[in-house]
Amino acid sequence: MKEITADELKYLIDKNVDFQLIDVREEYEHEESNINGDLIPMGEIMDNVDKVSKTKQVIFHCRSGKRSASVINALENQFGFNNLYNLRGGIVEFLQTFPNK
């Protein structure tokens, strides 16, 4: 599985690179803290595969990176995606690295 670090994600954001960021946490988690990703909870992702870009880099995140890794594995295995990246350490690591984001 391909991964991206907090530093690499921050670079993409700062450079306004065209990518898709998807948060697979639950709505209450997203409301507590988020980094402007599209919210598609893990339990709803298979019903919303059409919302995942097949043409640009897609970065998935959750709290720690475990749920998003599971989602990526499922999408790659069932739908043949090859443009998916997991945010290593999830939003926890991102916000620890960039607390003012």
N, C-alpha and C. Protein backbone atom coordinates (compact mmCIF):
# COMPACT_ATOMS: atom_id res chain seq x y z
N MET A 1 0.84 -1.18 0.00
CA MET A 1 0.00 0.00 0.00
C MET A 1 0.88 1.24 0.00
N LYS A 2 0.47 2.20 -0.79
CA LYS A 2 1.21 3.45 -0.87
C LYS A 2 0.80 4.33 0.31
N GLU A 3 1.78 5.02 0.87
CA GLU A 3 1.52 5.92 2.00
C GLU A 3 2.07 7.30 1.68
N ILE A 4 1.54 8.25 2.41
CA ILE A 4 2.01 9.63 2.32
C ILE A 4 2.21 10.12 3.75
N THR A 5 3.22 10.92 3.97
CA THR A 5 3.48 11.44 5.31
C THR A 5 2.73 12.75 5.53
N ALA A 6 2.69 13.17 6.78
CA ALA A 6 2.07 14.46 7.11
C ALA A 6 2.78 15.59 6.37
N ASP A 7 4.11 15.54 6.31
CA ASP A 7 4.86 16.58 5.60
C ASP A 7 4.51 16.61 4.11
N GLU A 8 4.38 15.44 3.51
CA GLU A 8 4.04 15.38 2.08
C GLU A 8 2.63 15.90 1.82
N LEU A 9 1.70 15.57 2.70
CA LEU A 9 0.33 16.07 2.55
C LEU A 9 0.31 17.58 2.71
N LYS A 10 1.01 18.11 3.68
CA LYS A 10 1.06 19.56 3.89
C LYS A 10 1.62 20.25 2.65
N TYR A 11 2.63 19.66 2.03
CA TYR A 11 3.21 20.21 0.81
C TYR A 11 2.15 20.27 -0.30
N LEU A 12 1.40 19.19 -0.48
CA LEU A 12 0.36 19.17 -1.51
C LEU A 12 -0.69 20.24 -1.26
N ILE A 13 -1.08 20.40 0.00
CA ILE A 13 -2.07 21.42 0.36
C ILE A 13 -1.51 22.81 0.07
N ASP A 14 -0.29 23.06 0.53
CA ASP A 14 0.32 24.39 0.36
C ASP A 14 0.52 24.76 -1.11
N LYS A 15 0.80 23.76 -1.95
CA LYS A 15 1.04 24.00 -3.38
C LYS A 15 -0.24 23.93 -4.21
N ASN A 16 -1.39 23.76 -3.54
CA ASN A 16 -2.68 23.67 -4.22
C ASN A 16 -2.70 22.59 -5.30
N VAL A 17 -2.05 21.47 -5.03
CA VAL A 17 -2.06 20.35 -5.96
C VAL A 17 -3.48 19.78 -6.03
N ASP A 18 -3.90 19.37 -7.21
CA ASP A 18 -5.24 18.82 -7.41
C ASP A 18 -5.24 17.35 -6.99
N PHE A 19 -5.74 17.09 -5.79
CA PHE A 19 -5.87 15.72 -5.28
C PHE A 19 -7.16 15.65 -4.48
N GLN A 20 -7.56 14.45 -4.12
CA GLN A 20 -8.76 14.27 -3.33
C GLN A 20 -8.37 13.74 -1.95
N LEU A 21 -8.90 14.33 -0.90
CA LEU A 21 -8.66 13.91 0.47
C LEU A 21 -9.97 13.37 1.03
N ILE A 22 -9.95 12.13 1.49
CA ILE A 22 -11.16 11.50 2.02
C ILE A 22 -10.93 11.07 3.46
N ASP A 23 -11.82 11.50 4.33
CA ASP A 23 -11.82 11.18 5.75
C ASP A 23 -12.81 10.04 5.96
N VAL A 24 -12.34 8.89 6.47
CA VAL A 24 -13.23 7.73 6.66
C VAL A 24 -13.68 7.57 8.11
N ARG A 25 -13.43 8.60 8.92
CA ARG A 25 -13.90 8.54 10.31
C ARG A 25 -15.41 8.78 10.36
N GLU A 26 -15.96 8.67 11.54
CA GLU A 26 -17.39 8.92 11.72
C GLU A 26 -17.65 10.44 11.78
N GLU A 27 -18.91 10.80 11.57
CA GLU A 27 -19.26 12.22 11.51
C GLU A 27 -18.87 12.98 12.78
N TYR A 28 -19.10 12.37 13.96
CA TYR A 28 -18.76 13.06 15.20
C TYR A 28 -17.25 13.30 15.31
N GLU A 29 -16.43 12.39 14.78
CA GLU A 29 -14.98 12.57 14.80
C GLU A 29 -14.58 13.71 13.87
N HIS A 30 -15.22 13.76 12.72
CA HIS A 30 -14.95 14.80 11.72
C HIS A 30 -15.32 16.18 12.28
N GLU A 31 -16.42 16.24 13.03
CA GLU A 31 -16.86 17.50 13.62
C GLU A 31 -15.88 17.99 14.68
N GLU A 32 -15.24 17.05 15.41
CA GLU A 32 -14.28 17.42 16.46
C GLU A 32 -13.01 18.02 15.87
N SER A 33 -12.53 17.44 14.78
CA SER A 33 -11.33 17.95 14.11
C SER A 33 -11.31 17.41 12.70
N ASN A 34 -10.92 18.27 11.76
CA ASN A 34 -10.81 17.80 10.38
C ASN A 34 -9.82 18.67 9.62
N ILE A 35 -9.36 18.13 8.50
CA ILE A 35 -8.39 18.85 7.67
C ILE A 35 -8.97 19.05 6.27
N ASN A 36 -10.28 19.28 6.24
CA ASN A 36 -11.02 19.63 5.02
C ASN A 36 -11.10 18.51 3.99
N GLY A 37 -11.09 17.28 4.45
CA GLY A 37 -11.32 16.16 3.54
C GLY A 37 -12.80 15.90 3.36
N ASP A 38 -13.14 15.21 2.27
CA ASP A 38 -14.52 14.78 2.07
C ASP A 38 -14.82 13.68 3.08
N LEU A 39 -15.92 13.79 3.80
CA LEU A 39 -16.28 12.79 4.80
C LEU A 39 -17.09 11.68 4.14
N ILE A 40 -16.51 10.48 4.12
CA ILE A 40 -17.22 9.27 3.71
C ILE A 40 -16.85 8.21 4.75
N PRO A 41 -17.68 8.04 5.79
CA PRO A 41 -17.34 7.09 6.84
C PRO A 41 -17.04 5.69 6.30
N MET A 42 -16.17 4.98 6.99
CA MET A 42 -15.72 3.67 6.57
C MET A 42 -16.89 2.74 6.20
N GLY A 43 -17.92 2.74 7.00
CA GLY A 43 -19.07 1.87 6.76
C GLY A 43 -19.89 2.25 5.54
N GLU A 44 -19.64 3.42 4.96
CA GLU A 44 -20.41 3.89 3.81
C GLU A 44 -19.59 3.93 2.52
N ILE A 45 -18.31 3.61 2.60
CA ILE A 45 -17.44 3.80 1.45
C ILE A 45 -17.82 2.92 0.27
N MET A 46 -18.21 1.68 0.51
CA MET A 46 -18.54 0.78 -0.60
C MET A 46 -19.80 1.22 -1.34
N ASP A 47 -20.67 1.93 -0.65
CA ASP A 47 -21.87 2.47 -1.30
C ASP A 47 -21.59 3.80 -2.00
N ASN A 48 -20.39 4.32 -1.83
CA ASN A 48 -20.03 5.62 -2.40
C ASN A 48 -18.75 5.56 -3.23
N VAL A 49 -18.47 4.41 -3.81
CA VAL A 49 -17.26 4.24 -4.61
C VAL A 49 -17.22 5.24 -5.75
N ASP A 50 -18.38 5.61 -6.26
CA ASP A 50 -18.44 6.57 -7.37
C ASP A 50 -17.92 7.95 -6.98
N LYS A 51 -17.79 8.23 -5.69
CA LYS A 51 -17.28 9.52 -5.22
C LYS A 51 -15.76 9.55 -5.11
N VAL A 52 -15.12 8.39 -5.32
CA VAL A 52 -13.66 8.29 -5.23
C VAL A 52 -13.08 8.46 -6.63
N SER A 53 -12.22 9.44 -6.80
CA SER A 53 -11.63 9.73 -8.11
C SER A 53 -10.77 8.56 -8.59
N LYS A 54 -10.89 8.26 -9.86
CA LYS A 54 -10.02 7.26 -10.48
C LYS A 54 -8.92 7.93 -11.28
N THR A 55 -8.96 9.26 -11.39
CA THR A 55 -8.03 9.96 -12.26
C THR A 55 -6.97 10.79 -11.53
N LYS A 56 -7.19 11.10 -10.25
CA LYS A 56 -6.18 11.88 -9.55
C LYS A 56 -5.80 11.17 -8.26
N GLN A 57 -4.74 11.63 -7.64
CA GLN A 57 -4.28 11.05 -6.39
C GLN A 57 -5.37 11.21 -5.32
N VAL A 58 -5.66 10.11 -4.63
CA VAL A 58 -6.65 10.13 -3.56
C VAL A 58 -5.95 9.72 -2.27
N ILE A 59 -6.06 10.58 -1.28
CA ILE A 59 -5.43 10.33 0.02
C ILE A 59 -6.55 10.08 1.03
N PHE A 60 -6.48 8.91 1.67
CA PHE A 60 -7.45 8.54 2.70
C PHE A 60 -6.83 8.75 4.06
N HIS A 61 -7.66 9.17 5.02
CA HIS A 61 -7.17 9.25 6.40
C HIS A 61 -8.28 8.93 7.37
N CYS A 62 -7.85 8.51 8.54
CA CYS A 62 -8.73 8.30 9.68
C CYS A 62 -8.00 8.87 10.89
N ARG A 63 -8.25 8.35 12.04
CA ARG A 63 -7.58 8.87 13.23
C ARG A 63 -6.10 8.48 13.24
N SER A 64 -5.81 7.19 13.04
CA SER A 64 -4.43 6.71 13.16
C SER A 64 -3.86 6.09 11.90
N GLY A 65 -4.70 5.84 10.91
CA GLY A 65 -4.25 5.22 9.66
C GLY A 65 -4.68 3.79 9.48
N LYS A 66 -5.29 3.19 10.48
CA LYS A 66 -5.70 1.78 10.38
C LYS A 66 -6.99 1.60 9.59
N ARG A 67 -8.01 2.37 9.90
CA ARG A 67 -9.27 2.26 9.16
C ARG A 67 -9.09 2.65 7.71
N SER A 68 -8.34 3.72 7.48
CA SER A 68 -8.12 4.14 6.09
C SER A 68 -7.33 3.09 5.32
N ALA A 69 -6.40 2.41 5.97
CA ALA A 69 -5.65 1.34 5.32
C ALA A 69 -6.58 0.20 4.92
N SER A 70 -7.53 -0.14 5.78
CA SER A 70 -8.50 -1.19 5.47
C SER A 70 -9.37 -0.80 4.28
N VAL A 71 -9.79 0.45 4.25
CA VAL A 71 -10.60 0.94 3.13
C VAL A 71 -9.81 0.86 1.82
N ILE A 72 -8.57 1.29 1.85
CA ILE A 72 -7.74 1.24 0.65
C ILE A 72 -7.57 -0.20 0.17
N ASN A 73 -7.28 -1.11 1.08
CA ASN A 73 -7.13 -2.52 0.68
C ASN A 73 -8.39 -3.03 0.00
N ALA A 74 -9.55 -2.72 0.56
CA ALA A 74 -10.81 -3.18 -0.02
C ALA A 74 -11.04 -2.57 -1.40
N LEU A 75 -10.80 -1.27 -1.54
CA LEU A 75 -11.02 -0.61 -2.83
C LEU A 75 -10.05 -1.12 -3.90
N GLU A 76 -8.80 -1.33 -3.52
CA GLU A 76 -7.82 -1.86 -4.48
C GLU A 76 -8.18 -3.28 -4.90
N ASN A 77 -8.56 -4.10 -3.94
CA ASN A 77 -8.88 -5.50 -4.25
C ASN A 77 -10.19 -5.67 -5.01
N GLN A 78 -11.20 -4.91 -4.66
CA GLN A 78 -12.52 -5.10 -5.26
C GLN A 78 -12.76 -4.25 -6.50
N PHE A 79 -12.08 -3.11 -6.60
CA PHE A 79 -12.37 -2.20 -7.71
C PHE A 79 -11.15 -1.84 -8.55
N GLY A 80 -9.98 -2.34 -8.19
CA GLY A 80 -8.79 -2.14 -9.00
C GLY A 80 -8.18 -0.75 -8.96
N PHE A 81 -8.49 0.04 -7.94
CA PHE A 81 -7.88 1.36 -7.82
C PHE A 81 -6.36 1.22 -7.70
N ASN A 82 -5.63 2.17 -8.29
CA ASN A 82 -4.17 2.17 -8.15
C ASN A 82 -3.63 3.58 -7.85
N ASN A 83 -4.52 4.47 -7.44
CA ASN A 83 -4.16 5.86 -7.17
C ASN A 83 -4.44 6.27 -5.73
N LEU A 84 -4.48 5.28 -4.83
CA LEU A 84 -4.87 5.54 -3.45
C LEU A 84 -3.66 5.56 -2.52
N TYR A 85 -3.67 6.50 -1.58
CA TYR A 85 -2.58 6.65 -0.61
C TYR A 85 -3.18 6.76 0.78
N ASN A 86 -2.49 6.17 1.75
CA ASN A 86 -2.90 6.24 3.14
C ASN A 86 -2.05 7.29 3.86
N LEU A 87 -2.68 8.16 4.64
CA LEU A 87 -1.95 9.13 5.44
C LEU A 87 -1.35 8.40 6.64
N ARG A 88 -0.04 8.24 6.63
CA ARG A 88 0.66 7.53 7.70
C ARG A 88 0.45 8.26 9.02
N GLY A 89 -0.05 7.53 10.01
CA GLY A 89 -0.30 8.12 11.33
C GLY A 89 -1.61 8.86 11.45
N GLY A 90 -2.35 8.96 10.35
CA GLY A 90 -3.66 9.58 10.35
C GLY A 90 -3.67 11.05 10.74
N ILE A 91 -4.87 11.51 11.08
CA ILE A 91 -5.03 12.92 11.42
C ILE A 91 -4.29 13.26 12.72
N VAL A 92 -4.12 12.26 13.60
CA VAL A 92 -3.39 12.50 14.84
C VAL A 92 -1.98 12.97 14.53
N GLU A 93 -1.29 12.25 13.67
CA GLU A 93 0.08 12.63 13.31
C GLU A 93 0.10 13.97 12.57
N PHE A 94 -0.85 14.16 11.67
CA PHE A 94 -0.88 15.42 10.92
C PHE A 94 -1.04 16.61 11.86
N LEU A 95 -1.97 16.52 12.79
CA LEU A 95 -2.22 17.64 13.70
C LEU A 95 -1.11 17.81 14.74
N GLN A 96 -0.40 16.74 15.05
CA GLN A 96 0.77 16.88 15.94
C GLN A 96 1.90 17.59 15.21
N THR A 97 2.05 17.28 13.91
CA THR A 97 3.11 17.88 13.11
C THR A 97 2.77 19.33 12.76
N PHE A 98 1.49 19.58 12.48
CA PHE A 98 1.03 20.91 12.09
C PHE A 98 -0.15 21.32 12.99
N PRO A 99 0.12 21.68 14.23
CA PRO A 99 -0.97 21.96 15.18
C PRO A 99 -1.83 23.16 14.83
N ASN A 100 -1.36 24.04 13.98
CA ASN A 100 -2.14 25.23 13.62
C ASN A 100 -2.98 25.03 12.38
N LYS A 101 -3.02 23.83 11.84
CA LYS A 101 -3.77 23.58 10.61
C LYS A 101 -5.23 23.53 10.89
